[in-house]
mmCIF file of all heavy atoms, coordinates in Angstrom:
data_MODEL
# 
_entry.id   MODEL 
# 
loop_
_atom_site.group_PDB 
_atom_site.id 
_atom_site.type_symbol 
_atom_site.label_atom_id 
_atom_site.label_alt_id 
_atom_site.label_comp_id 
_atom_site.label_asym_id 
_atom_site.label_entity_id 
_atom_site.label_seq_id 
_atom_site.pdbx_PDB_ins_code 
_atom_site.Cartn_x 
_atom_site.Cartn_y 
_atom_site.Cartn_z 
_atom_site.occupancy 
_atom_site.B_iso_or_equiv 
_atom_site.pdbx_formal_charge 
_atom_site.auth_seq_id 
_atom_site.auth_comp_id 
_atom_site.auth_asym_id 
_atom_site.auth_atom_id 
_atom_site.pdbx_PDB_model_num 
ATOM 1   N N   . LEU A 1 1  ? 0.778   -1.205  0.008   1.00 0.00 ? 1  LEU A N   1 
ATOM 2   C CA  . LEU A 1 1  ? -0.006  0.047   -0.010  1.00 0.00 ? 1  LEU A CA  1 
ATOM 3   C C   . LEU A 1 1  ? 0.867   1.282   -0.003  1.00 0.00 ? 1  LEU A C   1 
ATOM 4   O O   . LEU A 1 1  ? 0.514   2.275   -0.664  1.00 0.00 ? 1  LEU A O   1 
ATOM 5   C CB  . LEU A 1 1  ? -0.908  0.002   1.247   1.00 0.00 ? 1  LEU A CB  1 
ATOM 6   C CG  . LEU A 1 1  ? -1.775  1.208   1.443   1.00 0.00 ? 1  LEU A CG  1 
ATOM 7   C CD1 . LEU A 1 1  ? -2.900  1.315   0.303   1.00 0.00 ? 1  LEU A CD1 1 
ATOM 8   C CD2 . LEU A 1 1  ? -2.555  1.157   2.752   1.00 0.00 ? 1  LEU A CD2 1 
ATOM 9   N N   . THR A 1 2  ? 1.969   1.210   0.722   1.00 0.00 ? 2  THR A N   1 
ATOM 10  C CA  . THR A 1 2  ? 2.808   2.401   0.882   1.00 0.00 ? 2  THR A CA  1 
ATOM 11  C C   . THR A 1 2  ? 3.681   2.718   -0.350  1.00 0.00 ? 2  THR A C   1 
ATOM 12  O O   . THR A 1 2  ? 3.763   3.849   -0.798  1.00 0.00 ? 2  THR A O   1 
ATOM 13  C CB  . THR A 1 2  ? 3.729   2.251   2.164   1.00 0.00 ? 2  THR A CB  1 
ATOM 14  O OG1 . THR A 1 2  ? 2.894   1.967   3.258   1.00 0.00 ? 2  THR A OG1 1 
ATOM 15  C CG2 . THR A 1 2  ? 4.504   3.501   2.368   1.00 0.00 ? 2  THR A CG2 1 
ATOM 16  N N   . PHE A 1 3  ? 4.252   1.612   -0.889  1.00 0.00 ? 3  PHE A N   1 
ATOM 17  C CA  . PHE A 1 3  ? 5.231   1.899   -1.942  1.00 0.00 ? 3  PHE A CA  1 
ATOM 18  C C   . PHE A 1 3  ? 4.762   1.460   -3.340  1.00 0.00 ? 3  PHE A C   1 
ATOM 19  O O   . PHE A 1 3  ? 5.359   1.870   -4.306  1.00 0.00 ? 3  PHE A O   1 
ATOM 20  C CB  . PHE A 1 3  ? 6.568   1.007   -1.671  1.00 0.00 ? 3  PHE A CB  1 
ATOM 21  C CG  . PHE A 1 3  ? 7.196   1.399   -0.359  1.00 0.00 ? 3  PHE A CG  1 
ATOM 22  C CD1 . PHE A 1 3  ? 6.968   0.678   0.770   1.00 0.00 ? 3  PHE A CD1 1 
ATOM 23  C CD2 . PHE A 1 3  ? 8.098   2.526   -0.320  1.00 0.00 ? 3  PHE A CD2 1 
ATOM 24  C CE1 . PHE A 1 3  ? 7.630   1.040   1.995   1.00 0.00 ? 3  PHE A CE1 1 
ATOM 25  C CE2 . PHE A 1 3  ? 8.686   2.859   0.831   1.00 0.00 ? 3  PHE A CE2 1 
ATOM 26  C CZ  . PHE A 1 3  ? 8.452   2.102   2.044   1.00 0.00 ? 3  PHE A CZ  1 
ATOM 27  N N   . GLY A 1 4  ? 3.647   0.709   -3.423  1.00 0.00 ? 4  GLY A N   1 
ATOM 28  C CA  . GLY A 1 4  ? 3.189   0.334   -4.747  1.00 0.00 ? 4  GLY A CA  1 
ATOM 29  C C   . GLY A 1 4  ? 2.469   1.440   -5.424  1.00 0.00 ? 4  GLY A C   1 
ATOM 30  O O   . GLY A 1 4  ? 2.545   1.577   -6.651  1.00 0.00 ? 4  GLY A O   1 
ATOM 31  N N   . GLY A 1 5  ? 1.612   2.182   -4.702  1.00 0.00 ? 5  GLY A N   1 
ATOM 32  C CA  . GLY A 1 5  ? 0.855   3.216   -5.350  1.00 0.00 ? 5  GLY A CA  1 
ATOM 33  C C   . GLY A 1 5  ? -0.251  2.577   -6.222  1.00 0.00 ? 5  GLY A C   1 
ATOM 34  O O   . GLY A 1 5  ? -0.602  1.404   -6.145  1.00 0.00 ? 5  GLY A O   1 
ATOM 35  N N   . SER A 1 6  ? -0.837  3.380   -7.084  1.00 0.00 ? 6  SER A N   1 
ATOM 36  C CA  . SER A 1 6  ? -1.911  2.954   -7.929  1.00 0.00 ? 6  SER A CA  1 
ATOM 37  C C   . SER A 1 6  ? -1.400  2.161   -9.159  1.00 0.00 ? 6  SER A C   1 
ATOM 38  O O   . SER A 1 6  ? -2.198  1.418   -9.766  1.00 0.00 ? 6  SER A O   1 
ATOM 39  C CB  . SER A 1 6  ? -2.768  4.160   -8.477  1.00 0.00 ? 6  SER A CB  1 
ATOM 40  O OG  . SER A 1 6  ? -1.931  5.067   -9.113  1.00 0.00 ? 6  SER A OG  1 
ATOM 41  N N   . SER A 1 7  ? -0.107  2.299   -9.551  1.00 0.00 ? 7  SER A N   1 
ATOM 42  C CA  . SER A 1 7  ? 0.392   1.618   -10.666 1.00 0.00 ? 7  SER A CA  1 
ATOM 43  C C   . SER A 1 7  ? 0.961   0.249   -10.371 1.00 0.00 ? 7  SER A C   1 
ATOM 44  O O   . SER A 1 7  ? 1.214   -0.523  -11.337 1.00 0.00 ? 7  SER A O   1 
ATOM 45  C CB  . SER A 1 7  ? 1.517   2.510   -11.282 1.00 0.00 ? 7  SER A CB  1 
ATOM 46  O OG  . SER A 1 7  ? 2.541   2.704   -10.320 1.00 0.00 ? 7  SER A OG  1 
ATOM 47  N N   . MET A 1 8  ? 1.210   -0.105  -9.174  1.00 0.00 ? 8  MET A N   1 
ATOM 48  C CA  . MET A 1 8  ? 1.774   -1.415  -8.816  1.00 0.00 ? 8  MET A CA  1 
ATOM 49  C C   . MET A 1 8  ? 1.029   -2.004  -7.632  1.00 0.00 ? 8  MET A C   1 
ATOM 50  O O   . MET A 1 8  ? 1.577   -2.250  -6.598  1.00 0.00 ? 8  MET A O   1 
ATOM 51  C CB  . MET A 1 8  ? 3.280   -1.211  -8.546  1.00 0.00 ? 8  MET A CB  1 
ATOM 52  C CG  . MET A 1 8  ? 4.067   -2.602  -8.438  1.00 0.00 ? 8  MET A CG  1 
ATOM 53  S SD  . MET A 1 8  ? 3.777   -3.702  -9.881  1.00 0.00 ? 8  MET A SD  1 
ATOM 54  C CE  . MET A 1 8  ? 4.434   -2.658  -11.177 1.00 0.00 ? 8  MET A CE  1 
ATOM 55  N N   . LYS A 1 9  ? -0.254  -2.173  -7.783  1.00 0.00 ? 9  LYS A N   1 
ATOM 56  C CA  . LYS A 1 9  ? -1.033  -2.758  -6.682  1.00 0.00 ? 9  LYS A CA  1 
ATOM 57  C C   . LYS A 1 9  ? -0.796  -4.221  -6.575  1.00 0.00 ? 9  LYS A C   1 
ATOM 58  O O   . LYS A 1 9  ? -0.805  -4.966  -7.601  1.00 0.00 ? 9  LYS A O   1 
ATOM 59  C CB  . LYS A 1 9  ? -2.548  -2.491  -6.957  1.00 0.00 ? 9  LYS A CB  1 
ATOM 60  C CG  . LYS A 1 9  ? -3.045  -1.152  -6.725  1.00 0.00 ? 9  LYS A CG  1 
ATOM 61  C CD  . LYS A 1 9  ? -4.515  -0.986  -6.838  1.00 0.00 ? 9  LYS A CD  1 
ATOM 62  C CE  . LYS A 1 9  ? -5.002  0.443   -6.632  1.00 0.00 ? 9  LYS A CE  1 
ATOM 63  N NZ  . LYS A 1 9  ? -6.457  0.550   -6.768  1.00 0.00 ? 9  LYS A NZ  1 
ATOM 64  N N   . THR A 1 10 ? -0.562  -4.723  -5.348  1.00 0.00 ? 10 THR A N   1 
ATOM 65  C CA  . THR A 1 10 ? -0.471  -6.163  -5.133  1.00 0.00 ? 10 THR A CA  1 
ATOM 66  C C   . THR A 1 10 ? -1.864  -6.773  -4.915  1.00 0.00 ? 10 THR A C   1 
ATOM 67  O O   . THR A 1 10 ? -2.866  -6.060  -4.839  1.00 0.00 ? 10 THR A O   1 
ATOM 68  C CB  . THR A 1 10 ? 0.397   -6.454  -3.947  1.00 0.00 ? 10 THR A CB  1 
ATOM 69  O OG1 . THR A 1 10 ? -0.160  -5.752  -2.730  1.00 0.00 ? 10 THR A OG1 1 
ATOM 70  C CG2 . THR A 1 10 ? 1.825   -5.952  -4.135  1.00 0.00 ? 10 THR A CG2 1 
ATOM 71  N N   . PHE A 1 11 ? -1.950  -8.054  -4.737  1.00 0.00 ? 11 PHE A N   1 
ATOM 72  C CA  . PHE A 1 11 ? -3.248  -8.697  -4.685  1.00 0.00 ? 11 PHE A CA  1 
ATOM 73  C C   . PHE A 1 11 ? -3.989  -8.251  -3.411  1.00 0.00 ? 11 PHE A C   1 
ATOM 74  O O   . PHE A 1 11 ? -5.196  -7.895  -3.540  1.00 0.00 ? 11 PHE A O   1 
ATOM 75  C CB  . PHE A 1 11 ? -2.979  -10.236 -4.605  1.00 0.00 ? 11 PHE A CB  1 
ATOM 76  C CG  . PHE A 1 11 ? -4.294  -10.961 -4.410  1.00 0.00 ? 11 PHE A CG  1 
ATOM 77  C CD1 . PHE A 1 11 ? -5.094  -11.288 -5.447  1.00 0.00 ? 11 PHE A CD1 1 
ATOM 78  C CD2 . PHE A 1 11 ? -4.662  -11.432 -3.124  1.00 0.00 ? 11 PHE A CD2 1 
ATOM 79  C CE1 . PHE A 1 11 ? -6.303  -11.971 -5.242  1.00 0.00 ? 11 PHE A CE1 1 
ATOM 80  C CE2 . PHE A 1 11 ? -5.842  -12.100 -2.910  1.00 0.00 ? 11 PHE A CE2 1 
ATOM 81  C CZ  . PHE A 1 11 ? -6.641  -12.427 -4.007  1.00 0.00 ? 11 PHE A CZ  1 
ATOM 82  N N   . ASN A 1 12 ? -3.361  -8.182  -2.320  1.00 0.00 ? 12 ASN A N   1 
ATOM 83  C CA  . ASN A 1 12 ? -4.048  -7.822  -1.058  1.00 0.00 ? 12 ASN A CA  1 
ATOM 84  C C   . ASN A 1 12 ? -4.587  -6.320  -1.112  1.00 0.00 ? 12 ASN A C   1 
ATOM 85  O O   . ASN A 1 12 ? -5.662  -6.027  -0.688  1.00 0.00 ? 12 ASN A O   1 
ATOM 86  C CB  . ASN A 1 12 ? -3.103  -7.907  0.111   1.00 0.00 ? 12 ASN A CB  1 
ATOM 87  C CG  . ASN A 1 12 ? -2.772  -9.353  0.435   1.00 0.00 ? 12 ASN A CG  1 
ATOM 88  O OD1 . ASN A 1 12 ? -3.635  -10.254 0.191   1.00 0.00 ? 12 ASN A OD1 1 
ATOM 89  N ND2 . ASN A 1 12 ? -1.585  -9.651  0.875   1.00 0.00 ? 12 ASN A ND2 1 
ATOM 90  N N   . VAL A 1 13 ? -3.718  -5.445  -1.740  1.00 0.00 ? 13 VAL A N   1 
ATOM 91  C CA  . VAL A 1 13 ? -4.183  -4.063  -1.854  1.00 0.00 ? 13 VAL A CA  1 
ATOM 92  C C   . VAL A 1 13 ? -5.376  -3.945  -2.788  1.00 0.00 ? 13 VAL A C   1 
ATOM 93  O O   . VAL A 1 13 ? -6.336  -3.263  -2.531  1.00 0.00 ? 13 VAL A O   1 
ATOM 94  C CB  . VAL A 1 13 ? -2.986  -3.186  -2.314  1.00 0.00 ? 13 VAL A CB  1 
ATOM 95  C CG1 . VAL A 1 13 ? -3.467  -1.746  -2.606  1.00 0.00 ? 13 VAL A CG1 1 
ATOM 96  C CG2 . VAL A 1 13 ? -1.871  -3.172  -1.365  1.00 0.00 ? 13 VAL A CG2 1 
ATOM 97  N N   . GLY A 1 14 ? -5.271  -4.634  -3.874  1.00 0.00 ? 14 GLY A N   1 
ATOM 98  C CA  . GLY A 1 14 ? -6.383  -4.695  -4.836  1.00 0.00 ? 14 GLY A CA  1 
ATOM 99  C C   . GLY A 1 14 ? -7.636  -5.209  -4.229  1.00 0.00 ? 14 GLY A C   1 
ATOM 100 O O   . GLY A 1 14 ? -8.788  -4.709  -4.508  1.00 0.00 ? 14 GLY A O   1 
ATOM 101 N N   . LEU A 1 15 ? -7.527  -6.247  -3.448  1.00 0.00 ? 15 LEU A N   1 
ATOM 102 C CA  . LEU A 1 15 ? -8.665  -6.948  -2.811  1.00 0.00 ? 15 LEU A CA  1 
ATOM 103 C C   . LEU A 1 15 ? -9.341  -5.930  -1.833  1.00 0.00 ? 15 LEU A C   1 
ATOM 104 O O   . LEU A 1 15 ? -10.584 -5.786  -1.813  1.00 0.00 ? 15 LEU A O   1 
ATOM 105 C CB  . LEU A 1 15 ? -8.301  -8.205  -2.040  1.00 0.00 ? 15 LEU A CB  1 
ATOM 106 C CG  . LEU A 1 15 ? -9.411  -8.934  -1.399  1.00 0.00 ? 15 LEU A CG  1 
ATOM 107 C CD1 . LEU A 1 15 ? -10.477 -9.472  -2.337  1.00 0.00 ? 15 LEU A CD1 1 
ATOM 108 C CD2 . LEU A 1 15 ? -8.820  -10.163 -0.614  1.00 0.00 ? 15 LEU A CD2 1 
ATOM 109 N N   . VAL A 1 16 ? -8.602  -5.307  -1.036  1.00 0.00 ? 16 VAL A N   1 
ATOM 110 C CA  . VAL A 1 16 ? -9.148  -4.245  -0.096  1.00 0.00 ? 16 VAL A CA  1 
ATOM 111 C C   . VAL A 1 16 ? -9.806  -3.101  -0.824  1.00 0.00 ? 16 VAL A C   1 
ATOM 112 O O   . VAL A 1 16 ? -10.896 -2.612  -0.441  1.00 0.00 ? 16 VAL A O   1 
ATOM 113 C CB  . VAL A 1 16 ? -8.083  -3.772  0.884   1.00 0.00 ? 16 VAL A CB  1 
ATOM 114 C CG1 . VAL A 1 16 ? -8.588  -2.639  1.729   1.00 0.00 ? 16 VAL A CG1 1 
ATOM 115 C CG2 . VAL A 1 16 ? -7.556  -4.925  1.752   1.00 0.00 ? 16 VAL A CG2 1 
ATOM 116 N N   . ASP A 1 17 ? -9.116  -2.669  -1.906  1.00 0.00 ? 17 ASP A N   1 
ATOM 117 C CA  . ASP A 1 17 ? -9.758  -1.571  -2.704  1.00 0.00 ? 17 ASP A CA  1 
ATOM 118 C C   . ASP A 1 17 ? -11.102 -2.003  -3.328  1.00 0.00 ? 17 ASP A C   1 
ATOM 119 O O   . ASP A 1 17 ? -11.991 -1.195  -3.327  1.00 0.00 ? 17 ASP A O   1 
ATOM 120 C CB  . ASP A 1 17 ? -8.768  -1.138  -3.837  1.00 0.00 ? 17 ASP A CB  1 
ATOM 121 C CG  . ASP A 1 17 ? -7.572  -0.374  -3.245  1.00 0.00 ? 17 ASP A CG  1 
ATOM 122 O OD1 . ASP A 1 17 ? -7.600  0.014   -2.087  1.00 0.00 ? 17 ASP A OD1 1 
ATOM 123 O OD2 . ASP A 1 17 ? -6.644  -0.116  -4.011  1.00 0.00 ? 17 ASP A OD2 1 
ATOM 124 N N   . MET A 1 18 ? -11.117 -3.181  -3.773  1.00 0.00 ? 18 MET A N   1 
ATOM 125 C CA  . MET A 1 18 ? -12.400 -3.698  -4.337  1.00 0.00 ? 18 MET A CA  1 
ATOM 126 C C   . MET A 1 18 ? -13.511 -3.834  -3.285  1.00 0.00 ? 18 MET A C   1 
ATOM 127 O O   . MET A 1 18 ? -14.663 -3.530  -3.545  1.00 0.00 ? 18 MET A O   1 
ATOM 128 C CB  . MET A 1 18 ? -12.151 -5.113  -4.998  1.00 0.00 ? 18 MET A CB  1 
ATOM 129 C CG  . MET A 1 18 ? -13.334 -5.621  -5.740  1.00 0.00 ? 18 MET A CG  1 
ATOM 130 S SD  . MET A 1 18 ? -12.888 -7.036  -6.754  1.00 0.00 ? 18 MET A SD  1 
ATOM 131 C CE  . MET A 1 18 ? -12.132 -8.095  -5.523  1.00 0.00 ? 18 MET A CE  1 
ATOM 132 N N   . LEU A 1 19 ? -13.114 -4.129  -2.081  1.00 0.00 ? 19 LEU A N   1 
ATOM 133 C CA  . LEU A 1 19 ? -14.111 -4.278  -0.996  1.00 0.00 ? 19 LEU A CA  1 
ATOM 134 C C   . LEU A 1 19 ? -14.616 -2.916  -0.510  1.00 0.00 ? 19 LEU A C   1 
ATOM 135 O O   . LEU A 1 19 ? -15.747 -2.820  -0.078  1.00 0.00 ? 19 LEU A O   1 
ATOM 136 C CB  . LEU A 1 19 ? -13.508 -5.121  0.163   1.00 0.00 ? 19 LEU A CB  1 
ATOM 137 C CG  . LEU A 1 19 ? -13.217 -6.612  -0.092  1.00 0.00 ? 19 LEU A CG  1 
ATOM 138 C CD1 . LEU A 1 19 ? -12.496 -7.220  1.078   1.00 0.00 ? 19 LEU A CD1 1 
ATOM 139 C CD2 . LEU A 1 19 ? -14.521 -7.337  -0.440  1.00 0.00 ? 19 LEU A CD2 1 
ATOM 140 N N   . SER A 1 20 ? -13.689 -1.998  -0.497  1.00 0.00 ? 20 SER A N   1 
ATOM 141 C CA  . SER A 1 20 ? -14.072 -0.658  0.041   1.00 0.00 ? 20 SER A CA  1 
ATOM 142 C C   . SER A 1 20 ? -14.652 0.261   -1.047  1.00 0.00 ? 20 SER A C   1 
ATOM 143 O O   . SER A 1 20 ? -14.868 1.430   -0.758  1.00 0.00 ? 20 SER A O   1 
ATOM 144 C CB  . SER A 1 20 ? -12.771 0.035   0.605   1.00 0.00 ? 20 SER A CB  1 
ATOM 145 O OG  . SER A 1 20 ? -11.780 0.119   -0.429  1.00 0.00 ? 20 SER A OG  1 
ATOM 146 N N   . ALA A 1 21 ? -14.921 -0.283  -2.223  1.00 0.00 ? 21 ALA A N   1 
ATOM 147 C CA  . ALA A 1 21 ? -15.536 0.504   -3.246  1.00 0.00 ? 21 ALA A CA  1 
ATOM 148 C C   . ALA A 1 21 ? -16.947 0.822   -2.962  1.00 0.00 ? 21 ALA A C   1 
ATOM 149 O O   . ALA A 1 21 ? -17.539 1.834   -3.333  1.00 0.00 ? 21 ALA A O   1 
ATOM 150 C CB  . ALA A 1 21 ? -15.403 -0.206  -4.578  1.00 0.00 ? 21 ALA A CB  1 
ATOM 151 N N   . ASP A 1 22 ? -17.603 -0.103  -2.243  1.00 0.00 ? 22 ASP A N   1 
ATOM 152 C CA  . ASP A 1 22 ? -19.048 0.136   -1.897  1.00 0.00 ? 22 ASP A CA  1 
ATOM 153 C C   . ASP A 1 22 ? -19.160 0.361   -0.373  1.00 0.00 ? 22 ASP A C   1 
ATOM 154 O O   . ASP A 1 22 ? -18.218 0.138   0.386   1.00 0.00 ? 22 ASP A O   1 
ATOM 155 C CB  . ASP A 1 22 ? -19.815 -1.140  -2.228  1.00 0.00 ? 22 ASP A CB  1 
ATOM 156 C CG  . ASP A 1 22 ? -19.777 -1.482  -3.739  1.00 0.00 ? 22 ASP A CG  1 
ATOM 157 O OD1 . ASP A 1 22 ? -19.767 -0.410  -4.498  1.00 0.00 ? 22 ASP A OD1 1 
ATOM 158 O OD2 . ASP A 1 22 ? -19.752 -2.616  -4.135  1.00 0.00 ? 22 ASP A OD2 1 
ATOM 159 N N   . THR A 1 23 ? -20.317 0.877   0.003   1.00 0.00 ? 23 THR A N   1 
ATOM 160 C CA  . THR A 1 23 ? -20.469 1.136   1.413   1.00 0.00 ? 23 THR A CA  1 
ATOM 161 C C   . THR A 1 23 ? -20.793 -0.086  2.253   1.00 0.00 ? 23 THR A C   1 
ATOM 162 O O   . THR A 1 23 ? -20.534 -0.160  3.452   1.00 0.00 ? 23 THR A O   1 
ATOM 163 C CB  . THR A 1 23 ? -21.704 2.157   1.596   1.00 0.00 ? 23 THR A CB  1 
ATOM 164 O OG1 . THR A 1 23 ? -22.839 1.533   0.950   1.00 0.00 ? 23 THR A OG1 1 
ATOM 165 C CG2 . THR A 1 23 ? -21.417 3.473   0.951   1.00 0.00 ? 23 THR A CG2 1 
ATOM 166 N N   . THR A 1 24 ? -21.218 -1.147  1.576   1.00 0.00 ? 24 THR A N   1 
ATOM 167 C CA  . THR A 1 24 ? -21.425 -2.459  2.267   1.00 0.00 ? 24 THR A CA  1 
ATOM 168 C C   . THR A 1 24 ? -20.376 -3.442  1.911   1.00 0.00 ? 24 THR A C   1 
ATOM 169 O O   . THR A 1 24 ? -19.844 -3.443  0.788   1.00 0.00 ? 24 THR A O   1 
ATOM 170 C CB  . THR A 1 24 ? -22.851 -2.996  1.887   1.00 0.00 ? 24 THR A CB  1 
ATOM 171 O OG1 . THR A 1 24 ? -22.884 -3.149  0.479   1.00 0.00 ? 24 THR A OG1 1 
ATOM 172 C CG2 . THR A 1 24 ? -23.941 -2.044  2.361   1.00 0.00 ? 24 THR A CG2 1 
# 
């Protein structure tokens, strides 16, 4: 999350971003 940024998302960062896209 700290060093990857939006251009180098790892699996865990992408999964959390996908989950937090909605309010539920």
